[in-house]
Amino acid sequence: MFDNQRYITKRISEEIPLNLVLFMWSRIDVLKATTAGKLDYLQVFELKEINEFAVLENQLVIHRSEDPQYIKSYAFTVRKPVTTKIYVIDSGPYSTMMFAEEY
């Protein structure tokens, strides 16, 4: 899984900063390495803005999958936080990153 050509939709390229796109791909690579390649074909990333007093980070990224069940959260600082849900789908010959509503 996820050892193929990688694509992003036009909307992802226009609306999601490159550093976040690369971060999400890297999280899939890390998960693949730590699970001996046993991944769900659908990886889900929830991006949320953090608006809490005395918290330096402003971007929350929650990475999850169903089979095997996995969830991990990351918080960091970005210029402009994003709130959305993104799917990364391995369809065999290629993998595509898209907004959930584009699926």
PDB file of N, CA and C in Angstrom:
ATOM      1  N   MET A   1       0.831  -1.193   0.000  1.00  0.00           N
ATOM      2  CA  MET A   1       0.000   0.000   0.000  1.00  0.00           C
ATOM      3  C   MET A   1       0.874   1.255   0.000  1.00  0.00           C
ATOM      4  N   PHE A   2       0.430   2.229  -0.717  1.00  0.00           N
ATOM      5  CA  PHE A   2       1.059   3.551  -0.776  1.00  0.00           C
ATOM      6  C   PHE A   2       2.516   3.505  -1.251  1.00  0.00           C
ATOM      7  N   ASP A   3       2.833   2.499  -2.106  1.00  0.00           N
ATOM      8  CA  ASP A   3       4.162   2.415  -2.734  1.00  0.00           C
ATOM      9  C   ASP A   3       4.056   2.770  -4.212  1.00  0.00           C
ATOM     10  N   ASN A   4       3.151   3.646  -4.562  1.00  0.00           N
ATOM     11  CA  ASN A   4       2.854   3.931  -5.960  1.00  0.00           C
ATOM     12  C   ASN A   4       2.953   5.437  -6.234  1.00  0.00           C
ATOM     13  N   GLN A   5       2.541   5.833  -7.427  1.00  0.00           N
ATOM     14  CA  GLN A   5       2.526   7.251  -7.779  1.00  0.00           C
ATOM     15  C   GLN A   5       1.565   8.000  -6.863  1.00  0.00           C
ATOM     16  N   ARG A   6       1.940   9.213  -6.479  1.00  0.00           N
ATOM     17  CA  ARG A   6       1.118  10.011  -5.573  1.00  0.00           C
ATOM     18  C   ARG A   6       0.600  11.254  -6.283  1.00  0.00           C
ATOM     19  N   TYR A   7      -0.682  11.509  -6.068  1.00  0.00           N
ATOM     20  CA  TYR A   7      -1.323  12.668  -6.686  1.00  0.00           C
ATOM     21  C   TYR A   7      -2.128  13.438  -5.650  1.00  0.00           C
ATOM     22  N   ILE A   8      -2.333  14.706  -5.939  1.00  0.00           N
ATOM     23  CA  ILE A   8      -3.232  15.528  -5.136  1.00  0.00           C
ATOM     24  C   ILE A   8      -4.211  16.188  -6.097  1.00  0.00           C
ATOM     25  N   THR A   9      -5.410  16.444  -5.613  1.00  0.00           N
ATOM     26  CA  THR A   9      -6.390  17.108  -6.471  1.00  0.00           C
ATOM     27  C   THR A   9      -6.016  18.583  -6.626  1.00  0.00           C
ATOM     28  N   LYS A  10      -6.620  19.189  -7.617  1.00  0.00           N
ATOM     29  CA  LYS A  10      -6.367  20.609  -7.862  1.00  0.00           C
ATOM     30  C   LYS A  10      -6.723  21.450  -6.643  1.00  0.00           C
ATOM     31  N   ARG A  11      -7.855  21.128  -6.009  1.00  0.00           N
ATOM     32  CA  ARG A  11      -8.274  21.881  -4.812  1.00  0.00           C
ATOM     33  C   ARG A  11      -7.266  21.762  -3.682  1.00  0.00           C
ATOM     34  N   ILE A  12      -6.723  20.555  -3.480  1.00  0.00           N
ATOM     35  CA  ILE A  12      -5.702  20.385  -2.437  1.00  0.00           C
ATOM     36  C   ILE A  12      -4.513  21.288  -2.744  1.00  0.00           C
ATOM     37  N   SER A  13      -4.059  21.285  -3.988  1.00  0.00           N
ATOM     38  CA  SER A  13      -2.899  22.109  -4.348  1.00  0.00           C
ATOM     39  C   SER A  13      -3.172  23.595  -4.186  1.00  0.00           C
ATOM     40  N   GLU A  14      -4.416  23.996  -4.355  1.00  0.00           N
ATOM     41  CA  GLU A  14      -4.764  25.413  -4.243  1.00  0.00           C
ATOM     42  C   GLU A  14      -5.059  25.856  -2.805  1.00  0.00           C
ATOM     43  N   GLU A  15      -5.577  24.958  -1.976  1.00  0.00           N
ATOM     44  CA  GLU A  15      -6.088  25.370  -0.670  1.00  0.00           C
ATOM     45  C   GLU A  15      -5.281  24.880   0.538  1.00  0.00           C
ATOM     46  N   ILE A  16      -4.448  23.883   0.356  1.00  0.00           N
ATOM     47  CA  ILE A  16      -3.677  23.337   1.480  1.00  0.00           C
ATOM     48  C   ILE A  16      -2.202  23.679   1.270  1.00  0.00           C
ATOM     49  N   PRO A  17      -1.571  24.300   2.265  1.00  0.00           N
ATOM     50  CA  PRO A  17      -0.150  24.642   2.123  1.00  0.00           C
ATOM     51  C   PRO A  17       0.705  23.395   1.870  1.00  0.00           C
ATOM     52  N   LEU A  18       1.720  23.565   1.070  1.00  0.00           N
ATOM     53  CA  LEU A  18       2.588  22.448   0.695  1.00  0.00           C
ATOM     54  C   LEU A  18       3.172  21.749   1.912  1.00  0.00           C
ATOM     55  N   ASN A  19       3.546  22.513   2.940  1.00  0.00           N
ATOM     56  CA  ASN A  19       4.134  21.865   4.122  1.00  0.00           C
ATOM     57  C   ASN A  19       3.144  20.915   4.791  1.00  0.00           C
ATOM     58  N   LEU A  20       1.851  21.231   4.778  1.00  0.00           N
ATOM     59  CA  LEU A  20       0.851  20.317   5.340  1.00  0.00           C
ATOM     60  C   LEU A  20       0.657  19.090   4.452  1.00  0.00           C
ATOM     61  N   VAL A  21       0.664  19.288   3.150  1.00  0.00           N
ATOM     62  CA  VAL A  21       0.549  18.162   2.216  1.00  0.00           C
ATOM     63  C   VAL A  21       1.711  17.192   2.434  1.00  0.00           C
ATOM     64  N   LEU A  22       2.910  17.718   2.485  1.00  0.00           N
ATOM     65  CA  LEU A  22       4.089  16.872   2.689  1.00  0.00           C
ATOM     66  C   LEU A  22       4.067  16.199   4.056  1.00  0.00           C
ATOM     67  N   PHE A  23       3.587  16.909   5.059  1.00  0.00           N
ATOM     68  CA  PHE A  23       3.476  16.328   6.396  1.00  0.00           C
ATOM     69  C   PHE A  23       2.536  15.125   6.382  1.00  0.00           C
ATOM     70  N   MET A  24       1.390  15.235   5.731  1.00  0.00           N
ATOM     71  CA  MET A  24       0.442  14.117   5.684  1.00  0.00           C
ATOM     72  C   MET A  24       1.016  12.914   4.945  1.00  0.00           C
ATOM     73  N   TRP A  25       1.679  13.153   3.805  1.00  0.00           N
ATOM     74  CA  TRP A  25       2.324  12.035   3.102  1.00  0.00           C
ATOM     75  C   TRP A  25       3.378  11.386   3.993  1.00  0.00           C
ATOM     76  N   SER A  26       4.127  12.198   4.729  1.00  0.00           N
ATOM     77  CA  SER A  26       5.182  11.640   5.593  1.00  0.00           C
ATOM     78  C   SER A  26       4.590  10.806   6.718  1.00  0.00           C
ATOM     79  N   ARG A  27       3.428  11.187   7.244  1.00  0.00           N
ATOM     80  CA  ARG A  27       2.783  10.403   8.307  1.00  0.00           C
ATOM     81  C   ARG A  27       2.362   9.032   7.780  1.00  0.00           C
ATOM     82  N   ILE A  28       1.926   8.975   6.531  1.00  0.00           N
ATOM     83  CA  ILE A  28       1.591   7.682   5.930  1.00  0.00           C
ATOM     84  C   ILE A  28       2.848   6.839   5.793  1.00  0.00           C
ATOM     85  N   ASP A  29       3.948   7.444   5.362  1.00  0.00           N
ATOM     86  CA  ASP A  29       5.211   6.714   5.218  1.00  0.00           C
ATOM     87  C   ASP A  29       5.699   6.175   6.559  1.00  0.00           C
ATOM     88  N   VAL A  30       5.591   6.975   7.601  1.00  0.00           N
ATOM     89  CA  VAL A  30       6.014   6.527   8.936  1.00  0.00           C
ATOM     90  C   VAL A  30       5.132   5.382   9.407  1.00  0.00           C
ATOM     91  N   LEU A  31       3.837   5.509   9.226  1.00  0.00           N
ATOM     92  CA  LEU A  31       2.916   4.447   9.632  1.00  0.00           C
ATOM     93  C   LEU A  31       3.210   3.163   8.862  1.00  0.00           C
ATOM     94  N   LYS A  32       3.462   3.288   7.573  1.00  0.00           N
ATOM     95  CA  LYS A  32       3.778   2.128   6.737  1.00  0.00           C
ATOM     96  C   LYS A  32       5.029   1.423   7.255  1.00  0.00           C
ATOM     97  N   ALA A  33       6.031   2.198   7.645  1.00  0.00           N
ATOM     98  CA  ALA A  33       7.282   1.625   8.145  1.00  0.00           C
ATOM     99  C   ALA A  33       7.103   0.933   9.494  1.00  0.00           C
ATOM    100  N   THR A  34       6.225   1.465  10.327  1.00  0.00           N
ATOM    101  CA  THR A  34       6.055   0.898  11.669  1.00  0.00           C
ATOM    102  C   THR A  34       5.044  -0.252  11.713  1.00  0.00           C
ATOM    103  N   THR A  35       4.292  -0.469  10.633  1.00  0.00           N
ATOM    104  CA  THR A  35       3.303  -1.552  10.599  1.00  0.00           C
ATOM    105  C   THR A  35       3.659  -2.607   9.563  1.00  0.00           C
ATOM    106  N   ALA A  36       4.893  -2.613   9.118  1.00  0.00           N
ATOM    107  CA  ALA A  36       5.355  -3.562   8.099  1.00  0.00           C
ATOM    108  C   ALA A  36       4.487  -3.504   6.844  1.00  0.00           C
ATOM    109  N   GLY A  37       4.022  -2.294   6.514  1.00  0.00           N
ATOM    110  CA  GLY A  37       3.261  -2.096   5.290  1.00  0.00           C
ATOM    111  C   GLY A  37       1.793  -2.449   5.370  1.00  0.00           C
ATOM    112  N   LYS A  38       1.305  -2.832   6.553  1.00  0.00           N
ATOM    113  CA  LYS A  38      -0.112  -3.201   6.694  1.00  0.00           C
ATOM    114  C   LYS A  38      -0.935  -1.958   6.990  1.00  0.00           C
ATOM    115  N   LEU A  39      -1.472  -1.385   5.926  1.00  0.00           N
ATOM    116  CA  LEU A  39      -2.238  -0.144   6.033  1.00  0.00           C
ATOM    117  C   LEU A  39      -3.617  -0.306   5.430  1.00  0.00           C
ATOM    118  N   ASP A  40      -4.545   0.477   5.928  1.00  0.00           N
ATOM    119  CA  ASP A  40      -5.860   0.598   5.314  1.00  0.00           C
ATOM    120  C   ASP A  40      -5.686   1.395   4.017  1.00  0.00           C
ATOM    121  N   TYR A  41      -6.465   1.069   3.008  1.00  0.00           N
ATOM    122  CA  TYR A  41      -6.370   1.804   1.738  1.00  0.00           C
ATOM    123  C   TYR A  41      -6.827   3.248   1.884  1.00  0.00           C
ATOM    124  N   LEU A  42      -7.580   3.546   2.968  1.00  0.00           N
ATOM    125  CA  LEU A  42      -8.088   4.893   3.213  1.00  0.00           C
ATOM    126  C   LEU A  42      -7.463   5.459   4.482  1.00  0.00           C
ATOM    127  N   GLN A  43      -6.696   6.526   4.325  1.00  0.00           N
ATOM    128  CA  GLN A  43      -6.116   7.247   5.453  1.00  0.00           C
ATOM    129  C   GLN A  43      -6.858   8.572   5.574  1.00  0.00           C
ATOM    130  N   VAL A  44      -7.283   8.902   6.779  1.00  0.00           N
ATOM    131  CA  VAL A  44      -8.095  10.095   7.011  1.00  0.00           C
ATOM    132  C   VAL A  44      -7.307  11.079   7.863  1.00  0.00           C
ATOM    133  N   PHE A  45      -7.313  12.332   7.430  1.00  0.00           N
ATOM    134  CA  PHE A  45      -6.673  13.410   8.182  1.00  0.00           C
ATOM    135  C   PHE A  45      -7.709  14.477   8.479  1.00  0.00           C
ATOM    136  N   GLU A  46      -7.922  14.760   9.752  1.00  0.00           N
ATOM    137  CA  GLU A  46      -8.789  15.866  10.157  1.00  0.00           C
ATOM    138  C   GLU A  46      -7.888  17.016  10.570  1.00  0.00           C
ATOM    139  N   LEU A  47      -8.076  18.141   9.931  1.00  0.00           N
ATOM    140  CA  LEU A  47      -7.306  19.341  10.242  1.00  0.00           C
ATOM    141  C   LEU A  47      -8.218  20.315  10.967  1.00  0.00           C
ATOM    142  N   LYS A  48      -7.751  20.800  12.109  1.00  0.00           N
ATOM    143  CA  LYS A  48      -8.555  21.712  12.911  1.00  0.00           C
ATOM    144  C   LYS A  48      -7.697  22.854  13.416  1.00  0.00           C
ATOM    145  N   GLU A  49      -8.298  24.020  13.498  1.00  0.00           N
ATOM    146  CA  GLU A  49      -7.611  25.172  14.065  1.00  0.00           C
ATOM    147  C   GLU A  49      -7.711  25.098  15.587  1.00  0.00           C
ATOM    148  N   ILE A  50      -6.601  25.394  16.258  1.00  0.00           N
ATOM    149  CA  ILE A  50      -6.577  25.436  17.717  1.00  0.00           C
ATOM    150  C   ILE A  50      -6.679  26.901  18.137  1.00  0.00           C
ATOM    151  N   ASN A  51      -7.684  27.207  18.927  1.00  0.00           N
ATOM    152  CA  ASN A  51      -7.907  28.575  19.420  1.00  0.00           C
ATOM    153  C   ASN A  51      -7.960  28.584  20.935  1.00  0.00           C
ATOM    154  N   GLU A  52      -6.918  28.118  21.569  1.00  0.00           N
ATOM    155  CA  GLU A  52      -6.915  28.061  23.024  1.00  0.00           C
ATOM    156  C   GLU A  52      -5.877  29.015  23.583  1.00  0.00           C
ATOM    157  N   PHE A  53      -6.265  29.701  24.614  1.00  0.00           N
ATOM    158  CA  PHE A  53      -5.370  30.641  25.280  1.00  0.00           C
ATOM    159  C   PHE A  53      -4.165  29.889  25.834  1.00  0.00           C
ATOM    160  N   ALA A  54      -3.014  30.477  25.697  1.00  0.00           N
ATOM    161  CA  ALA A  54      -1.744  29.945  26.223  1.00  0.00           C
ATOM    162  C   ALA A  54      -1.269  28.679  25.502  1.00  0.00           C
ATOM    163  N   VAL A  55      -1.832  28.374  24.331  1.00  0.00           N
ATOM    164  CA  VAL A  55      -1.351  27.258  23.526  1.00  0.00           C
ATOM    165  C   VAL A  55      -0.637  27.849  22.321  1.00  0.00           C
ATOM    166  N   LEU A  56       0.630  27.507  22.156  1.00  0.00           N
ATOM    167  CA  LEU A  56       1.421  28.084  21.072  1.00  0.00           C
ATOM    168  C   LEU A  56       1.026  27.532  19.696  1.00  0.00           C
ATOM    169  N   GLU A  57       0.701  26.253  19.638  1.00  0.00           N
ATOM    170  CA  GLU A  57       0.355  25.631  18.367  1.00  0.00           C
ATOM    171  C   GLU A  57      -1.033  26.091  17.934  1.00  0.00           C
ATOM    172  N   ASN A  58      -1.211  26.240  16.620  1.00  0.00           N
ATOM    173  CA  ASN A  58      -2.521  26.674  16.118  1.00  0.00           C
ATOM    174  C   ASN A  58      -3.132  25.699  15.109  1.00  0.00           C
ATOM    175  N   GLN A  59      -2.411  24.614  14.789  1.00  0.00           N
ATOM    176  CA  GLN A  59      -2.922  23.628  13.832  1.00  0.00           C
ATOM    177  C   GLN A  59      -2.891  22.241  14.471  1.00  0.00           C
ATOM    178  N   LEU A  60      -4.040  21.573  14.456  1.00  0.00           N
ATOM    179  CA  LEU A  60      -4.146  20.201  14.927  1.00  0.00           C
ATOM    180  C   LEU A  60      -4.398  19.305  13.725  1.00  0.00           C
ATOM    181  N   VAL A  61      -3.644  18.211  13.630  1.00  0.00           N
ATOM    182  CA  VAL A  61      -3.824  17.223  12.575  1.00  0.00           C
ATOM    183  C   VAL A  61      -4.069  15.881  13.249  1.00  0.00           C
ATOM    184  N   ILE A  62      -5.221  15.295  12.978  1.00  0.00           N
ATOM    185  CA  ILE A  62      -5.563  13.981  13.518  1.00  0.00           C
ATOM    186  C   ILE A  62      -5.533  12.989  12.365  1.00  0.00           C
ATOM    187  N   HIS A  63      -4.659  12.001  12.479  1.00  0.00           N
ATOM    188  CA  HIS A  63      -4.487  10.985  11.441  1.00  0.00           C
ATOM    189  C   HIS A  63      -5.139   9.706  11.943  1.00  0.00           C
ATOM    190  N   ARG A  64      -6.045   9.140  11.123  1.00  0.00           N
ATOM    191  CA  ARG A  64      -6.705   7.906  11.550  1.00  0.00           C
ATOM    192  C   ARG A  64      -6.957   6.979  10.378  1.00  0.00           C
ATOM    193  N   SER A  65      -7.151   5.712  10.726  1.00  0.00           N
ATOM    194  CA  SER A  65      -7.580   4.700   9.764  1.00  0.00           C
ATOM    195  C   SER A  65      -8.382   3.654  10.522  1.00  0.00           C
ATOM    196  N   GLU A  66      -9.127   2.830   9.787  1.00  0.00           N
ATOM    197  CA  GLU A  66     -10.031   1.866  10.419  1.00  0.00           C
ATOM    198  C   GLU A  66      -9.455   0.469  10.547  1.00  0.00           C
ATOM    199  N   ASP A  67      -8.728  -0.017   9.515  1.00  0.00           N
ATOM    200  CA  ASP A  67      -8.262  -1.394   9.541  1.00  0.00           C
ATOM    201  C   ASP A  67      -6.824  -1.486   9.054  1.00  0.00           C
ATOM    202  N   PRO A  68      -5.850  -1.607   9.918  1.00  0.00           N
ATOM    203  CA  PRO A  68      -5.992  -1.692  11.366  1.00  0.00           C
ATOM    204  C   PRO A  68      -6.350  -0.330  11.967  1.00  0.00           C
ATOM    205  N   GLN A  69      -7.014  -0.384  13.099  1.00  0.00           N
ATOM    206  CA  GLN A  69      -7.444   0.846  13.753  1.00  0.00           C
ATOM    207  C   GLN A  69      -6.217   1.632  14.218  1.00  0.00           C
ATOM    208  N   TYR A  70      -6.234   2.925  13.892  1.00  0.00           N
ATOM    209  CA  TYR A  70      -5.086   3.782  14.206  1.00  0.00           C
ATOM    210  C   TYR A  70      -5.586   5.209  14.383  1.00  0.00           C
ATOM    211  N   ILE A  71      -5.021   5.894  15.379  1.00  0.00           N
ATOM    212  CA  ILE A  71      -5.289   7.320  15.541  1.00  0.00           C
ATOM    213  C   ILE A  71      -4.091   7.961  16.237  1.00  0.00           C
ATOM    214  N   LYS A  72      -3.674   9.091  15.687  1.00  0.00           N
ATOM    215  CA  LYS A  72      -2.575   9.847  16.287  1.00  0.00           C
ATOM    216  C   LYS A  72      -2.795  11.321  15.956  1.00  0.00           C
ATOM    217  N   SER A  73      -2.503  12.181  16.926  1.00  0.00           N
ATOM    218  CA  SER A  73      -2.695  13.618  16.758  1.00  0.00           C
ATOM    219  C   SER A  73      -1.360  14.344  16.799  1.00  0.00           C
ATOM    220  N   TYR A  74      -1.297  15.421  16.044  1.00  0.00           N
ATOM    221  CA  TYR A  74      -0.111  16.263  15.979  1.00  0.00           C
ATOM    222  C   TYR A  74      -0.556  17.715  16.081  1.00  0.00           C
ATOM    223  N   ALA A  75       0.211  18.517  16.789  1.00  0.00           N
ATOM    224  CA  ALA A  75      -0.095  19.947  16.896  1.00  0.00           C
ATOM    225  C   ALA A  75       1.173  20.734  16.601  1.00  0.00           C
ATOM    226  N   PHE A  76       1.035  21.772  15.808  1.00  0.00           N
ATOM    227  CA  PHE A  76       2.165  22.624  15.477  1.00  0.00           C
ATOM    228  C   PHE A  76       1.670  23.984  15.025  1.00  0.00           C
ATOM    229  N   THR A  77       2.595  24.871  14.749  1.00  0.00           N
ATOM    230  CA  THR A  77       2.261  26.233  14.361  1.00  0.00           C
ATOM    231  C   THR A  77       2.415  26.400  12.850  1.00  0.00           C
ATOM    232  N   VAL A  78       1.402  27.006  12.245  1.00  0.00           N
ATOM    233  CA  VAL A  78       1.434  27.321  10.815  1.00  0.00           C
ATOM    234  C   VAL A  78       1.015  28.769  10.639  1.00  0.00           C
ATOM    235  N   ARG A  79       1.260  29.313   9.456  1.00  0.00           N
ATOM    236  CA  ARG A  79       0.849  30.703   9.191  1.00  0.00           C
ATOM    237  C   ARG A  79      -0.660  30.872   9.218  1.00  0.00           C
ATOM    238  N   LYS A  80      -1.338  29.984   8.504  1.00  0.00           N
ATOM    239  CA  LYS A  80      -2.797  30.083   8.405  1.00  0.00           C
ATOM    240  C   LYS A  80      -3.400  28.697   8.649  1.00  0.00           C
ATOM    241  N   PRO A  81      -3.980  28.475   9.824  1.00  0.00           N
ATOM    242  CA  PRO A  81      -4.552  27.160  10.135  1.00  0.00           C
ATOM    243  C   PRO A  81      -5.714  26.798   9.203  1.00  0.00           C
ATOM    244  N   VAL A  82      -5.906  25.511   9.015  1.00  0.00           N
ATOM    245  CA  VAL A  82      -6.922  24.986   8.122  1.00  0.00           C
ATOM    246  C   VAL A  82      -7.854  24.071   8.919  1.00  0.00           C
ATOM    247  N   THR A  83      -9.143  24.127   8.618  1.00  0.00           N
ATOM    248  CA  THR A  83     -10.112  23.211   9.216  1.00  0.00           C
ATOM    249  C   THR A  83     -10.830  22.492   8.084  1.00  0.00           C
ATOM    250  N   THR A  84     -10.554  21.192   7.963  1.00  0.00           N
ATOM    251  CA  THR A  84     -11.155  20.382   6.898  1.00  0.00           C
ATOM    252  C   THR A  84     -10.865  18.918   7.162  1.00  0.00           C
ATOM    253  N   LYS A  85     -11.428  18.050   6.329  1.00  0.00           N
ATOM    254  CA  LYS A  85     -11.132  16.614   6.390  1.00  0.00           C
ATOM    255  C   LYS A  85     -10.576  16.204   5.035  1.00  0.00           C
ATOM    256  N   ILE A  86      -9.476  15.453   5.069  1.00  0.00           N
ATOM    257  CA  ILE A  86      -8.783  15.037   3.855  1.00  0.00           C
ATOM    258  C   ILE A  86      -8.654  13.522   3.844  1.00  0.00           C
ATOM    259  N   TYR A  87      -8.934  12.925   2.688  1.00  0.00           N
ATOM    260  CA  TYR A  87      -8.755  11.493   2.480  1.00  0.00           C
ATOM    261  C   TYR A  87      -7.527  11.278   1.599  1.00  0.00           C
ATOM    262  N   VAL A  88      -6.777  10.222   1.925  1.00  0.00           N
ATOM    263  CA  VAL A  88      -5.718   9.752   1.046  1.00  0.00           C
ATOM    264  C   VAL A  88      -6.063   8.301   0.738  1.00  0.00           C
ATOM    265  N   ILE A  89      -6.275   8.025  -0.553  1.00  0.00           N
ATOM    266  CA  ILE A  89      -6.789   6.723  -0.973  1.00  0.00           C
ATOM    267  C   ILE A  89      -5.778   6.036  -1.887  1.00  0.00           C
ATOM    268  N   ASP A  90      -5.431   4.789  -1.533  1.00  0.00           N
ATOM    269  CA  ASP A  90      -4.585   3.963  -2.391  1.00  0.00           C
ATOM    270  C   ASP A  90      -5.518   3.132  -3.258  1.00  0.00           C
ATOM    271  N   SER A  91      -5.491   3.378  -4.559  1.00  0.00           N
ATOM    272  CA  SER A  91      -6.378   2.658  -5.470  1.00  0.00           C
ATOM    273  C   SER A  91      -5.626   1.648  -6.337  1.00  0.00           C
ATOM    274  N   GLY A  92      -4.430   1.262  -5.917  1.00  0.00           N
ATOM    275  CA  GLY A  92      -3.652   0.285  -6.687  1.00  0.00           C
ATOM    276  C   GLY A  92      -2.511   0.939  -7.432  1.00  0.00           C
ATOM    277  N   PRO A  93      -2.762   1.430  -8.657  1.00  0.00           N
ATOM    278  CA  PRO A  93      -1.675   2.020  -9.431  1.00  0.00           C
ATOM    279  C   PRO A  93      -1.236   3.398  -8.945  1.00  0.00           C
ATOM    280  N   TYR A  94      -2.076   4.051  -8.144  1.00  0.00           N
ATOM    281  CA  TYR A  94      -1.726   5.384  -7.649  1.00  0.00           C
ATOM    282  C   TYR A  94      -2.452   5.670  -6.339  1.00  0.00           C
ATOM    283  N   SER A  95      -1.979   6.683  -5.624  1.00  0.00           N
ATOM    284  CA  SER A  95      -2.617   7.172  -4.403  1.00  0.00           C
ATOM    285  C   SER A  95      -2.997   8.625  -4.634  1.00  0.00           C
ATOM    286  N   THR A  96      -4.151   9.007  -4.094  1.00  0.00           N
ATOM    287  CA  THR A  96      -4.656  10.361  -4.305  1.00  0.00           C
ATOM    288  C   THR A  96      -5.050  10.991  -2.982  1.00  0.00           C
ATOM    289  N   MET A  97      -4.614  12.241  -2.801  1.00  0.00           N
ATOM    290  CA  MET A  97      -5.015  13.038  -1.654  1.00  0.00           C
ATOM    291  C   MET A  97      -6.105  13.985  -2.131  1.00  0.00           C
ATOM    292  N   MET A  98      -7.243  13.986  -1.408  1.00  0.00           N
ATOM    293  CA  MET A  98      -8.386  14.815  -1.805  1.00  0.00           C
ATOM    294  C   MET A  98      -9.178  15.244  -0.580  1.00  0.00           C
ATOM    295  N   PHE A  99      -9.980  16.277  -0.755  1.00  0.00           N
ATOM    296  CA  PHE A  99     -10.906  16.658   0.298  1.00  0.00           C
ATOM    297  C   PHE A  99     -11.970  15.566   0.414  1.00  0.00           C
ATOM    298  N   ALA A 100     -12.476  15.353   1.622  1.00  0.00           N
ATOM    299  CA  ALA A 100     -13.488  14.308   1.842  1.00  0.00           C
ATOM    300  C   ALA A 100     -14.687  14.493   0.919  1.00  0.00           C
ATOM    301  N   GLU A 101     -15.094  15.725   0.701  1.00  0.00           N
ATOM    302  CA  GLU A 101     -16.255  15.959  -0.145  1.00  0.00           C
ATOM    303  C   GLU A 101     -15.977  15.719  -1.631  1.00  0.00           C
ATOM    304  N   GLU A 102     -14.724  15.546  -2.008  1.00  0.00           N
ATOM    305  CA  GLU A 102     -14.383  15.237  -3.399  1.00  0.00           C
ATOM    306  C   GLU A 102     -14.477  13.730  -3.672  1.00  0.00           C
ATOM    307  N   TYR A 103     -14.610  12.936  -2.630  1.00  0.00           N
ATOM    308  CA  TYR A 103     -14.632  11.462  -2.770  1.00  0.00           C
ATOM    309  C   TYR A 103     -15.921  10.992  -3.392  1.00  0.00           C
TER     310      TYR A 103
END
